[in-house]
C-alpha atoms as a PDB file:
ATOM      1  CA  UNK A   1      87.932 -17.441  -3.596  1.00  0.00           C
ATOM      2  CA  UNK A   2      85.846 -16.179  -1.665  1.00  0.00           C
ATOM      3  CA  UNK A   3      86.126 -12.249  -3.097  1.00  0.00           C
ATOM      4  CA  UNK A   4      85.415 -13.851  -6.346  1.00  0.00           C
ATOM      5  CA  UNK A   5      82.321 -15.392  -4.832  1.00  0.00           C
ATOM      6  CA  UNK A   6      81.446 -11.820  -3.242  1.00  0.00           C
ATOM      7  CA  UNK A   7      81.467 -10.270  -6.359  1.00  0.00           C
ATOM      8  CA  UNK A   8      79.761 -12.589  -8.089  1.00  0.00           C
ATOM      9  CA  UNK A   9      77.152 -11.886  -5.657  1.00  0.00           C
ATOM     10  CA  UNK A  10      77.021  -8.045  -6.146  1.00  0.00           C
ATOM     11  CA  UNK A  11      76.838  -8.326  -9.359  1.00  0.00           C
ATOM     12  CA  UNK A  12      73.363 -10.547  -9.294  1.00  0.00           C
ATOM     13  CA  UNK A  13      71.741  -8.594  -7.251  1.00  0.00           C
ATOM     14  CA  UNK A  14      72.930  -5.435  -9.350  1.00  0.00           C
ATOM     15  CA  UNK A  15      71.644  -6.980 -12.446  1.00  0.00           C
ATOM     16  CA  UNK A  16      68.442  -7.851 -10.898  1.00  0.00           C
ATOM     17  CA  UNK A  17      67.883  -4.351  -9.707  1.00  0.00           C
ATOM     18  CA  UNK A  18      67.926  -3.184 -12.635  1.00  0.00           C
ATOM     19  CA  UNK A  19      66.129  -5.869 -14.617  1.00  0.00           C
ATOM     20  CA  UNK A  20      63.128  -5.613 -11.829  1.00  0.00           C
ATOM     21  CA  UNK A  21      63.830  -9.292 -10.916  1.00  0.00           C
ATOM     22  CA  UNK A  22      61.756  -8.520  -7.357  1.00  0.00           C
ATOM     23  CA  UNK A  23      57.986 -10.725  -8.183  1.00  0.00           C
ATOM     24  CA  UNK A  24      55.124  -7.910  -7.543  1.00  0.00           C
ATOM     25  CA  UNK A  25      52.136  -8.557  -6.447  1.00  0.00           C
ATOM     26  CA  UNK A  26      49.359  -8.675  -8.904  1.00  0.00           C
ATOM     27  CA  UNK A  27      46.626  -6.224  -7.936  1.00  0.00           C
ATOM     28  CA  UNK A  28      44.633  -6.767 -10.864  1.00  0.00           C
ATOM     29  CA  UNK A  29      41.259  -7.663 -10.655  1.00  0.00           C
ATOM     30  CA  UNK A  30      40.389 -10.229 -12.834  1.00  0.00           C
ATOM     31  CA  UNK A  31      38.186  -9.829 -16.286  1.00  0.00           C
ATOM     32  CA  UNK A  32      34.774 -10.486 -15.451  1.00  0.00           C
ATOM     33  CA  UNK A  33      35.135 -10.733 -11.544  1.00  0.00           C
ATOM     34  CA  UNK A  34      32.196  -9.227  -9.530  1.00  0.00           C
ATOM     35  CA  UNK A  35      32.571  -6.190  -7.014  1.00  0.00           C
ATOM     36  CA  UNK A  36      32.482  -8.575  -3.867  1.00  0.00           C
ATOM     37  CA  UNK A  37      35.305 -10.518  -4.907  1.00  0.00           C
ATOM     38  CA  UNK A  38      37.464  -7.079  -5.722  1.00  0.00           C
ATOM     39  CA  UNK A  39      36.459  -4.831  -3.485  1.00  0.00           C
ATOM     40  CA  UNK A  40      35.811  -6.842  -0.228  1.00  0.00           C
ATOM     41  CA  UNK A  41      36.345 -10.613  -0.543  1.00  0.00           C
ATOM     42  CA  UNK A  42      33.541 -13.364  -1.110  1.00  0.00           C
ATOM     43  CA  UNK A  43      32.136 -13.202   1.711  1.00  0.00           C
ATOM     44  CA  UNK A  44      30.484  -9.175   0.927  1.00  0.00           C
ATOM     45  CA  UNK A  45      27.232  -7.988  -1.398  1.00  0.00           C
ATOM     46  CA  UNK A  46      28.035  -4.764  -2.812  1.00  0.00           C
ATOM     47  CA  UNK A  47      24.842  -2.758  -3.410  1.00  0.00           C
ATOM     48  CA  UNK A  48      24.837   0.648  -4.981  1.00  0.00           C
ATOM     49  CA  UNK A  49      21.862   3.106  -4.837  1.00  0.00           C
ATOM     50  CA  UNK A  50      21.409   6.630  -4.548  1.00  0.00           C
ATOM     51  CA  UNK A  51      20.326   7.876  -1.023  1.00  0.00           C
ATOM     52  CA  UNK A  52      17.838  10.950  -1.954  1.00  0.00           C
ATOM     53  CA  UNK A  53      14.806   8.764  -2.698  1.00  0.00           C
ATOM     54  CA  UNK A  54      12.760   8.741   0.659  1.00  0.00           C
ATOM     55  CA  UNK A  55      11.487   6.152   2.297  1.00  0.00           C
ATOM     56  CA  UNK A  56      13.143   3.560  -0.540  1.00  0.00           C
ATOM     57  CA  UNK A  57      16.662   4.803   0.625  1.00  0.00           C
ATOM     58  CA  UNK A  58      17.774   7.610   2.741  1.00  0.00           C
ATOM     59  CA  UNK A  59      20.097   9.370   5.013  1.00  0.00           C
ATOM     60  CA  UNK A  60      19.556   8.711   8.738  1.00  0.00           C
ATOM     61  CA  UNK A  61      22.350   9.445  11.871  1.00  0.00           C
ATOM     62  CA  UNK A  62      24.792   8.660   9.348  1.00  0.00           C
ATOM     63  CA  UNK A  63      23.476   5.551   7.618  1.00  0.00           C
ATOM     64  CA  UNK A  64      21.639   4.595   4.567  1.00  0.00           C
ATOM     65  CA  UNK A  65      18.097   3.196   5.865  1.00  0.00           C
ATOM     66  CA  UNK A  66      15.094   2.669   3.536  1.00  0.00           C
ATOM     67  CA  UNK A  67      12.850  -0.115   2.082  1.00  0.00           C
ATOM     68  CA  UNK A  68      15.454  -1.016  -0.480  1.00  0.00           C
ATOM     69  CA  UNK A  69      18.134  -0.970   2.249  1.00  0.00           C
ATOM     70  CA  UNK A  70      16.346  -3.595   4.337  1.00  0.00           C
ATOM     71  CA  UNK A  71      14.919  -5.802   1.673  1.00  0.00           C
ATOM     72  CA  UNK A  72      18.591  -5.598   0.361  1.00  0.00           C
ATOM     73  CA  UNK A  73      19.843  -6.799   3.723  1.00  0.00           C
ATOM     74  CA  UNK A  74      17.054  -9.294   4.221  1.00  0.00           C
ATOM     75  CA  UNK A  75      18.573 -10.732   0.886  1.00  0.00           C
ATOM     76  CA  UNK A  76      22.058 -10.327   1.764  1.00  0.00           C
ATOM     77  CA  UNK A  77      20.778 -12.646   5.207  1.00  0.00           C
ATOM     78  CA  UNK A  78      19.038 -14.918   2.857  1.00  0.00           C
ATOM     79  CA  UNK A  79      22.166 -15.436   1.177  1.00  0.00           C
ATOM     80  CA  UNK A  80      25.048 -15.727   3.937  1.00  0.00           C
ATOM     81  CA  UNK A  81      26.834 -12.434   2.539  1.00  0.00           C
ATOM     82  CA  UNK A  82      27.722  -9.035   4.472  1.00  0.00           C
ATOM     83  CA  UNK A  83      25.489  -6.000   2.831  1.00  0.00           C
ATOM     84  CA  UNK A  84      27.764  -3.055   1.733  1.00  0.00           C
ATOM     85  CA  UNK A  85      26.042  -0.170   0.667  1.00  0.00           C
ATOM     86  CA  UNK A  86      27.419   2.815  -1.787  1.00  0.00           C
ATOM     87  CA  UNK A  87      25.754   5.767  -1.772  1.00  0.00           C
ATOM     88  CA  UNK A  88      26.350   7.358  -5.838  1.00  0.00           C
ATOM     89  CA  UNK A  89      24.911   9.467  -8.612  1.00  0.00           C
ATOM     90  CA  UNK A  90      21.581   7.555  -9.493  1.00  0.00           C
ATOM     91  CA  UNK A  91      22.816   8.325 -13.613  1.00  0.00           C
ATOM     92  CA  UNK A  92      26.062   5.844 -12.329  1.00  0.00           C
ATOM     93  CA  UNK A  93      23.982   3.190 -10.818  1.00  0.00           C
ATOM     94  CA  UNK A  94      23.766   1.327 -13.963  1.00  0.00           C
ATOM     95  CA  UNK A  95      26.866   2.246 -15.385  1.00  0.00           C
ATOM     96  CA  UNK A  96      28.751   0.774 -12.097  1.00  0.00           C
ATOM     97  CA  UNK A  97      26.657  -2.876 -12.204  1.00  0.00           C
ATOM     98  CA  UNK A  98      27.670  -3.514 -15.704  1.00  0.00           C
ATOM     99  CA  UNK A  99      31.561  -3.025 -15.229  1.00  0.00           C
ATOM    100  CA  UNK A 100      31.504  -5.056 -11.888  1.00  0.00           C
ATOM    101  CA  UNK A 101      32.141  -1.930  -9.739  1.00  0.00           C
ATOM    102  CA  UNK A 102      29.050  -3.206  -7.648  1.00  0.00           C
ATOM    103  CA  UNK A 103      26.500  -6.407  -7.880  1.00  0.00           C
ATOM    104  CA  UNK A 104      23.368  -4.502  -8.124  1.00  0.00           C
ATOM    105  CA  UNK A 105      21.426  -1.520  -7.852  1.00  0.00           C
ATOM    106  CA  UNK A 106      18.606  -0.546  -5.872  1.00  0.00           C
ATOM    107  CA  UNK A 107      17.239   2.670  -5.861  1.00  0.00           C
ATOM    108  CA  UNK A 108      13.560   2.608  -6.268  1.00  0.00           C
ATOM    109  CA  UNK A 109      14.911   1.700 -10.092  1.00  0.00           C
ATOM    110  CA  UNK A 110      12.098   1.269 -12.460  1.00  0.00           C
ATOM    111  CA  UNK A 111      11.946  -1.834 -15.326  1.00  0.00           C
ATOM    112  CA  UNK A 112      12.580   0.099 -18.694  1.00  0.00           C
ATOM    113  CA  UNK A 113      12.907  -1.545 -22.326  1.00  0.00           C
ATOM    114  CA  UNK A 114      16.034   0.979 -22.447  1.00  0.00           C
ATOM    115  CA  UNK A 115      17.829  -0.332 -19.080  1.00  0.00           C
ATOM    116  CA  UNK A 116      17.003  -3.718 -19.948  1.00  0.00           C
ATOM    117  CA  UNK A 117      19.490  -3.284 -23.070  1.00  0.00           C
ATOM    118  CA  UNK A 118      22.320  -2.963 -20.466  1.00  0.00           C
ATOM    119  CA  UNK A 119      21.144  -4.990 -17.428  1.00  0.00           C
ATOM    120  CA  UNK A 120      18.596  -7.977 -16.163  1.00  0.00           C
ATOM    121  CA  UNK A 121      16.032  -7.135 -13.381  1.00  0.00           C
ATOM    122  CA  UNK A 122      14.796  -9.121 -10.538  1.00  0.00           C
ATOM    123  CA  UNK A 123      11.492  -9.741  -9.823  1.00  0.00           C
ATOM    124  CA  UNK A 124      10.024  -7.039  -8.962  1.00  0.00           C
ATOM    125  CA  UNK A 125       9.663  -6.175  -5.144  1.00  0.00           C
ATOM    126  CA  UNK A 126       7.142  -2.756  -4.938  1.00  0.00           C
ATOM    127  CA  UNK A 127       5.438  -0.458  -7.328  1.00  0.00           C
ATOM    128  CA  UNK A 128       5.512   2.669  -7.658  1.00  0.00           C
ATOM    129  CA  UNK A 129       3.722   5.785  -8.416  1.00  0.00           C
ATOM    130  CA  UNK A 130       4.759   8.858 -10.934  1.00  0.00           C
ATOM    131  CA  UNK A 131       3.348  12.074  -9.810  1.00  0.00           C
ATOM    132  CA  UNK A 132       3.115  16.162 -10.151  1.00  0.00           C
ATOM    133  CA  UNK A 133       3.769  18.538  -7.593  1.00  0.00           C
ATOM    134  CA  UNK A 134       2.979  22.207  -8.229  1.00  0.00           C
ATOM    135  CA  UNK A 135       2.236  25.287  -5.680  1.00  0.00           C
ATOM    136  CA  UNK A 136      -1.114  25.079  -4.321  1.00  0.00           C
ATOM    137  CA  UNK A 137      -1.870  28.204  -6.406  1.00  0.00           C
ATOM    138  CA  UNK A 138      -0.721  26.517  -9.929  1.00  0.00           C
ATOM    139  CA  UNK A 139      -2.890  26.770 -12.878  1.00  0.00           C
ATOM    140  CA  UNK A 140      -1.828  23.192 -13.261  1.00  0.00           C
ATOM    141  CA  UNK A 141      -4.461  21.405 -12.346  1.00  0.00           C
ATOM    142  CA  UNK A 142      -4.270  18.144 -14.010  1.00  0.00           C
ATOM    143  CA  UNK A 143      -1.690  15.673 -15.410  1.00  0.00           C
ATOM    144  CA  UNK A 144      -3.735  16.732 -18.761  1.00  0.00           C
ATOM    145  CA  UNK A 145      -3.085  20.244 -18.635  1.00  0.00           C
ATOM    146  CA  UNK A 146       0.692  19.277 -18.949  1.00  0.00           C
ATOM    147  CA  UNK A 147       0.286  17.934 -22.044  1.00  0.00           C
ATOM    148  CA  UNK A 148      -2.270  19.906 -23.886  1.00  0.00           C
ATOM    149  CA  UNK A 149      -1.771  21.214 -26.878  1.00  0.00           C
ATOM    150  CA  UNK A 150      -0.092  24.846 -26.839  1.00  0.00           C
ATOM    151  CA  UNK A 151       1.419  24.178 -23.306  1.00  0.00           C
ATOM    152  CA  UNK A 152       4.346  25.704 -22.261  1.00  0.00           C
ATOM    153  CA  UNK A 153       4.432  24.369 -18.933  1.00  0.00           C
ATOM    154  CA  UNK A 154       8.216  23.434 -17.972  1.00  0.00           C
ATOM    155  CA  UNK A 155       9.022  20.285 -15.577  1.00  0.00           C
ATOM    156  CA  UNK A 156      11.550  19.905 -13.082  1.00  0.00           C
ATOM    157  CA  UNK A 157      13.295  15.834 -12.797  1.00  0.00           C
ATOM    158  CA  UNK A 158      16.159  14.076 -11.388  1.00  0.00           C
ATOM    159  CA  UNK A 159      18.181  13.038 -13.946  1.00  0.00           C
ATOM    160  CA  UNK A 160      17.921   9.479 -15.320  1.00  0.00           C
ATOM    161  CA  UNK A 161      14.949   8.668 -13.625  1.00  0.00           C
ATOM    162  CA  UNK A 162      11.655   7.236 -14.893  1.00  0.00           C
ATOM    163  CA  UNK A 163      10.257  10.515 -14.022  1.00  0.00           C
ATOM    164  CA  UNK A 164      12.621  12.082 -16.505  1.00  0.00           C
ATOM    165  CA  UNK A 165      12.194   9.666 -19.011  1.00  0.00           C
ATOM    166  CA  UNK A 166       8.025   9.947 -19.211  1.00  0.00           C
ATOM    167  CA  UNK A 167       8.424  13.582 -19.158  1.00  0.00           C
ATOM    168  CA  UNK A 168      10.982  14.368 -21.733  1.00  0.00           C
ATOM    169  CA  UNK A 169       8.723  11.634 -24.111  1.00  0.00           C
ATOM    170  CA  UNK A 170       5.490  13.720 -23.102  1.00  0.00           C
ATOM    171  CA  UNK A 171       7.422  17.203 -23.147  1.00  0.00           C
ATOM    172  CA  UNK A 172       9.911  17.357 -25.248  1.00  0.00           C
ATOM    173  CA  UNK A 173      13.626  18.718 -23.975  1.00  0.00           C
ATOM    174  CA  UNK A 174      12.970  21.921 -23.941  1.00  0.00           C
ATOM    175  CA  UNK A 175      10.181  21.767 -21.265  1.00  0.00           C
ATOM    176  CA  UNK A 176      12.070  19.599 -18.937  1.00  0.00           C
ATOM    177  CA  UNK A 177      15.253  20.137 -16.349  1.00  0.00           C
ATOM    178  CA  UNK A 178      16.671  17.558 -15.105  1.00  0.00           C
ATOM    179  CA  UNK A 179      18.412  17.940 -11.429  1.00  0.00           C
ATOM    180  CA  UNK A 180      20.915  15.737  -9.349  1.00  0.00           C
ATOM    181  CA  UNK A 181      18.481  15.062  -6.754  1.00  0.00           C
ATOM    182  CA  UNK A 182      15.197  15.328  -6.470  1.00  0.00           C
ATOM    183  CA  UNK A 183      15.759  17.797  -3.704  1.00  0.00           C
ATOM    184  CA  UNK A 184      17.352  20.288  -6.225  1.00  0.00           C
ATOM    185  CA  UNK A 185      14.302  19.884  -8.300  1.00  0.00           C
ATOM    186  CA  UNK A 186      11.968  20.822  -5.496  1.00  0.00           C
ATOM    187  CA  UNK A 187      14.276  24.093  -4.379  1.00  0.00           C
ATOM    188  CA  UNK A 188      13.705  25.371  -7.872  1.00  0.00           C
ATOM    189  CA  UNK A 189       9.819  24.891  -8.383  1.00  0.00           C
ATOM    190  CA  UNK A 190       9.886  26.578  -4.841  1.00  0.00           C
ATOM    191  CA  UNK A 191      12.059  29.261  -6.518  1.00  0.00           C
ATOM    192  CA  UNK A 192       9.960  29.880  -9.509  1.00  0.00           C
ATOM    193  CA  UNK A 193      12.193  28.233 -11.895  1.00  0.00           C
ATOM    194  CA  UNK A 194      10.098  25.132 -13.139  1.00  0.00           C
ATOM    195  CA  UNK A 195       6.363  25.023 -12.848  1.00  0.00           C
ATOM    196  CA  UNK A 196       5.958  21.497 -11.535  1.00  0.00           C
ATOM    197  CA  UNK A 197       8.000  18.457 -10.457  1.00  0.00           C
ATOM    198  CA  UNK A 198       7.341  14.849 -11.661  1.00  0.00           C
ATOM    199  CA  UNK A 199       8.389  12.364  -9.382  1.00  0.00           C
ATOM    200  CA  UNK A 200       7.960   9.081  -7.140  1.00  0.00           C
ATOM    201  CA  UNK A 201       4.761   9.436  -4.784  1.00  0.00           C
ATOM    202  CA  UNK A 202       6.420   8.361  -1.875  1.00  0.00           C
ATOM    203  CA  UNK A 203       9.084  11.086  -1.793  1.00  0.00           C
ATOM    204  CA  UNK A 204       7.111  13.447  -3.487  1.00  0.00           C
ATOM    205  CA  UNK A 205       4.836  13.446   0.530  1.00  0.00           C
ATOM    206  CA  UNK A 206       7.986  14.162   1.698  1.00  0.00           C
ATOM    207  CA  UNK A 207       9.075  17.239  -0.074  1.00  0.00           C
ATOM    208  CA  UNK A 208       5.551  18.700   0.286  1.00  0.00           C
ATOM    209  CA  UNK A 209       5.364  17.935   4.037  1.00  0.00           C
ATOM    210  CA  UNK A 210       8.722  19.954   3.904  1.00  0.00           C
ATOM    211  CA  UNK A 211       7.899  22.762   2.130  1.00  0.00           C
ATOM    212  CA  UNK A 212       4.695  24.824   2.630  1.00  0.00           C
ATOM    213  CA  UNK A 213       2.781  25.849  -0.364  1.00  0.00           C
ATOM    214  CA  UNK A 214       3.407  22.813  -2.430  1.00  0.00           C
ATOM    215  CA  UNK A 215       0.847  19.801  -3.419  1.00  0.00           C
ATOM    216  CA  UNK A 216       0.480  16.876  -5.566  1.00  0.00           C
ATOM    217  CA  UNK A 217      -2.141  16.638  -8.190  1.00  0.00           C
ATOM    218  CA  UNK A 218      -4.730  14.396  -7.888  1.00  0.00           C
ATOM    219  CA  UNK A 219      -4.480  12.179 -11.273  1.00  0.00           C
ATOM    220  CA  UNK A 220      -1.075  10.318 -11.376  1.00  0.00           C
ATOM    221  CA  UNK A 221       1.180  10.925 -14.112  1.00  0.00           C
ATOM    222  CA  UNK A 222       2.608   6.967 -14.498  1.00  0.00           C
ATOM    223  CA  UNK A 223       2.463   3.437 -12.737  1.00  0.00           C
ATOM    224  CA  UNK A 224       5.800   1.444 -12.578  1.00  0.00           C
ATOM    225  CA  UNK A 225       7.413  -1.521 -10.719  1.00  0.00           C
ATOM    226  CA  UNK A 226      10.300  -1.823  -8.704  1.00  0.00           C
ATOM    227  CA  UNK A 227      13.436  -4.348  -9.172  1.00  0.00           C
ATOM    228  CA  UNK A 228      16.905  -4.859  -8.377  1.00  0.00           C
ATOM    229  CA  UNK A 229      19.615  -4.750 -11.829  1.00  0.00           C
ATOM    230  CA  UNK A 230      22.471  -7.141 -12.260  1.00  0.00           C
ATOM    231  CA  UNK A 231      24.531  -7.230 -14.617  1.00  0.00           C
ATOM    232  CA  UNK A 232      23.769  -9.305 -18.111  1.00  0.00           C
ATOM    233  CA  UNK A 233      26.541 -11.051 -17.342  1.00  0.00           C
ATOM    234  CA  UNK A 234      25.894 -12.504 -13.591  1.00  0.00           C
ATOM    235  CA  UNK A 235      22.974 -14.501 -14.281  1.00  0.00           C
ATOM    236  CA  UNK A 236      23.897 -16.884 -11.295  1.00  0.00           C
ATOM    237  CA  UNK A 237      23.581 -14.052  -8.707  1.00  0.00           C
ATOM    238  CA  UNK A 238      19.996 -12.798 -10.896  1.00  0.00           C
ATOM    239  CA  UNK A 239      18.832 -16.686  -9.852  1.00  0.00           C
ATOM    240  CA  UNK A 240      20.434 -16.409  -6.436  1.00  0.00           C
ATOM    241  CA  UNK A 241      18.357 -12.927  -6.051  1.00  0.00           C
ATOM    242  CA  UNK A 242      15.542 -13.914  -7.432  1.00  0.00           C
ATOM    243  CA  UNK A 243      15.388 -17.392  -5.056  1.00  0.00           C
ATOM    244  CA  UNK A 244      15.683 -15.261  -1.672  1.00  0.00           C
ATOM    245  CA  UNK A 245      13.319 -12.352  -3.199  1.00  0.00           C
ATOM    246  CA  UNK A 246      11.002 -14.908  -3.661  1.00  0.00           C
ATOM    247  CA  UNK A 247      11.060 -15.931  -0.436  1.00  0.00           C
ATOM    248  CA  UNK A 248      10.941 -12.914   1.369  1.00  0.00           C
ATOM    249  CA  UNK A 249       8.045 -12.305  -0.419  1.00  0.00           C
ATOM    250  CA  UNK A 250       6.291 -14.964   0.075  1.00  0.00           C
ATOM    251  CA  UNK A 251       6.996 -15.055   3.870  1.00  0.00           C
ATOM    252  CA  UNK A 252       6.044 -11.304   4.515  1.00  0.00           C
ATOM    253  CA  UNK A 253       8.975 -10.134   4.586  1.00  0.00           C
ATOM    254  CA  UNK A 254       9.078  -7.497   1.717  1.00  0.00           C
ATOM    255  CA  UNK A 255       5.507  -6.655   2.679  1.00  0.00           C
ATOM    256  CA  UNK A 256       6.239  -5.993   6.480  1.00  0.00           C
ATOM    257  CA  UNK A 257       9.465  -3.644   5.454  1.00  0.00           C
ATOM    258  CA  UNK A 258       7.241  -1.634   3.003  1.00  0.00           C
ATOM    259  CA  UNK A 259       4.576  -1.059   5.592  1.00  0.00           C
ATOM    260  CA  UNK A 260       7.284  -0.062   7.839  1.00  0.00           C
ATOM    261  CA  UNK A 261       8.128   3.161   5.820  1.00  0.00           C
ATOM    262  CA  UNK A 262       4.673   3.153   4.137  1.00  0.00           C
ATOM    263  CA  UNK A 263       1.605   2.446   6.679  1.00  0.00           C
ATOM    264  CA  UNK A 264      -1.462   1.187   4.946  1.00  0.00           C
ATOM    265  CA  UNK A 265      -4.161   4.047   4.926  1.00  0.00           C
END
């Protein structure tokens, strides 16, 4: 009898091995879950950025700092969450947010009609200005010179930024060269590969300060508003972020952070 039971046990275990009786842990994220639920637990707010855009986001001593980083931290604190910042390519932010890989995107991001087709935006927390960087000896004296009939000047821009969008609309594809980073566009300008760079005013100041022989044109290229992008199917987070952001704007926290990086003249 014992021999029979032992044989039966062996046969059962062998059958389970081939049939896959052992239950495997299901590590697949449930459809519709957010980054904070699937990546790091419900106590974390995951923000996507592109840390090449000072003073809004940049790397310092191995840490991402700047206006957006500090505002995001203040929002996370208000919501009782930890903040996790992921540094990725700018043109991957919206895609990552829409798929739920990241909870939100902050990267000096302007609200545009095209982007609103893919994501929702929070209340605006800062205003930006697109400007034009040129060599000090450039024949380009104003934005009108770029747009003039017959003009052939080539502009460098950062891929998928509003500077890229505006320049393409105004100058056409053949007169616009897109780079992964603003710094790469400026390097192309200093080497004579492009005639100007269209970019946000604040990083433009940093680039001009770091590269002798460049200047910013007096005339603005465009005015815009910066906001936080959040997936269209995550209205709950959008409402919470807007409430927290509204409180931070009202109590002066946002302005204090902006003034820290962009001192009032």
